[in-house]
Amino acid sequence: MTLITAIIVQLIQLYSWALIIYILMSWFPNARESGIGQFLGRICEPYLEPFRRIVPPLGMIDISPIVAFIVLKLATMGLLEIAKWVG
């Protein structure tokens, strides 16, 4: 695995953790209004928004983050496969 691939995979994993934290913050009142919540909102909402437009919520449950995680996982797996073929 090349250095660039390793860095990209690590960034995707870091972003996945940021998404998890941002999503869990919705369970706590006013957590997203904190400084950390606003920062995570600026980096997570642009990624989550297209999924929210495509995947309708099931009642009060928004399942679009699950689809977003699946896409990130598929991107990581694809990147690793390409890296394996390239070198």
Protein backbone atom coordinates (compact mmCIF):
# COMPACT_ATOMS: atom_id res chain seq x y z
CA MET A 1 0.00 0.00 0.00
CA THR A 2 1.45 3.33 -0.98
CA LEU A 3 1.87 6.18 1.44
CA ILE A 4 -0.78 8.27 -0.30
CA THR A 5 -3.30 5.44 -0.09
CA ALA A 6 -2.56 4.95 3.59
CA ILE A 7 -3.04 8.66 4.27
CA ILE A 8 -6.33 8.77 2.38
CA VAL A 9 -7.63 5.69 4.20
CA GLN A 10 -6.69 7.25 7.55
CA LEU A 11 -8.45 10.51 6.59
CA ILE A 12 -11.59 8.57 5.64
CA GLN A 13 -11.50 6.78 9.01
CA LEU A 14 -11.02 10.08 10.84
CA TYR A 15 -13.94 11.58 8.91
CA SER A 16 -16.07 8.54 9.79
CA TRP A 17 -15.36 9.16 13.48
CA ALA A 18 -16.27 12.84 13.03
CA LEU A 19 -19.59 11.73 11.50
CA ILE A 20 -20.26 9.35 14.39
CA ILE A 21 -19.60 12.06 16.95
CA TYR A 22 -21.73 14.57 15.04
CA ILE A 23 -24.62 12.13 14.78
CA LEU A 24 -24.43 11.21 18.47
CA MET A 25 -24.46 14.91 19.36
CA SER A 26 -28.03 15.05 18.06
CA TRP A 27 -29.08 12.99 21.08
CA PHE A 28 -28.01 15.70 23.52
CA PRO A 29 -29.80 19.05 23.75
CA ASN A 30 -27.79 22.02 22.45
CA ALA A 31 -24.70 19.89 21.77
CA ARG A 32 -24.65 20.88 18.12
CA GLU A 33 -24.73 24.55 19.08
CA SER A 34 -21.41 24.21 20.92
CA GLY A 35 -18.14 25.13 19.23
CA ILE A 36 -17.30 21.50 18.50
CA GLY A 37 -20.81 20.86 17.24
CA GLN A 38 -20.66 23.81 14.87
CA PHE A 39 -17.24 22.74 13.58
CA LEU A 40 -18.44 19.19 12.98
CA GLY A 41 -21.57 20.56 11.33
CA ARG A 42 -19.47 22.54 8.86
CA ILE A 43 -17.50 19.45 7.84
CA CYS A 44 -20.24 16.79 8.09
CA GLU A 45 -23.40 18.48 6.79
CA PRO A 46 -22.13 19.02 3.22
CA TYR A 47 -21.51 15.26 2.97
CA LEU A 48 -24.76 14.21 4.68
CA GLU A 49 -27.06 16.60 2.83
CA PRO A 50 -27.18 14.74 -0.53
CA PHE A 51 -28.01 11.51 1.30
CA ARG A 52 -30.81 13.23 3.20
CA ARG A 53 -32.32 14.36 -0.10
CA ILE A 54 -32.19 10.82 -1.51
CA VAL A 55 -33.06 8.69 1.53
CA PRO A 56 -36.34 9.62 3.23
CA PRO A 57 -36.52 9.36 7.02
CA LEU A 58 -38.39 6.43 8.56
CA GLY A 59 -40.75 8.25 10.90
CA MET A 60 -38.52 10.14 13.30
CA ILE A 61 -35.40 8.16 12.37
CA ASP A 62 -32.97 9.52 9.78
CA ILE A 63 -31.20 6.56 8.18
CA SER A 64 -29.25 8.62 5.65
CA PRO A 65 -26.08 8.56 7.83
CA ILE A 66 -26.07 4.76 7.53
CA VAL A 67 -26.04 5.08 3.74
CA ALA A 68 -23.31 7.71 4.04
CA PHE A 69 -21.19 5.30 6.12
CA ILE A 70 -21.73 2.52 3.59
CA VAL A 71 -20.52 4.83 0.80
CA LEU A 72 -17.41 5.74 2.82
CA LYS A 73 -16.71 2.06 3.48
CA LEU A 74 -17.15 1.19 -0.21
CA ALA A 75 -14.83 4.05 -1.17
CA THR A 76 -12.20 2.76 1.24
CA MET A 77 -12.51 -0.79 -0.06
CA GLY A 78 -12.31 0.42 -3.66
CA LEU A 79 -9.27 2.54 -2.91
CA LEU A 80 -7.52 -0.40 -1.26
CA GLU A 81 -8.34 -2.65 -4.22
CA ILE A 82 -6.96 -0.09 -6.67
CA ALA A 83 -3.82 0.28 -4.55
CA LYS A 84 -3.41 -3.49 -4.53
CA TRP A 85 -3.60 -3.64 -8.34
CA VAL A 86 -1.35 -0.63 -8.91
CA GLY A 87 1.44 -1.60 -6.70
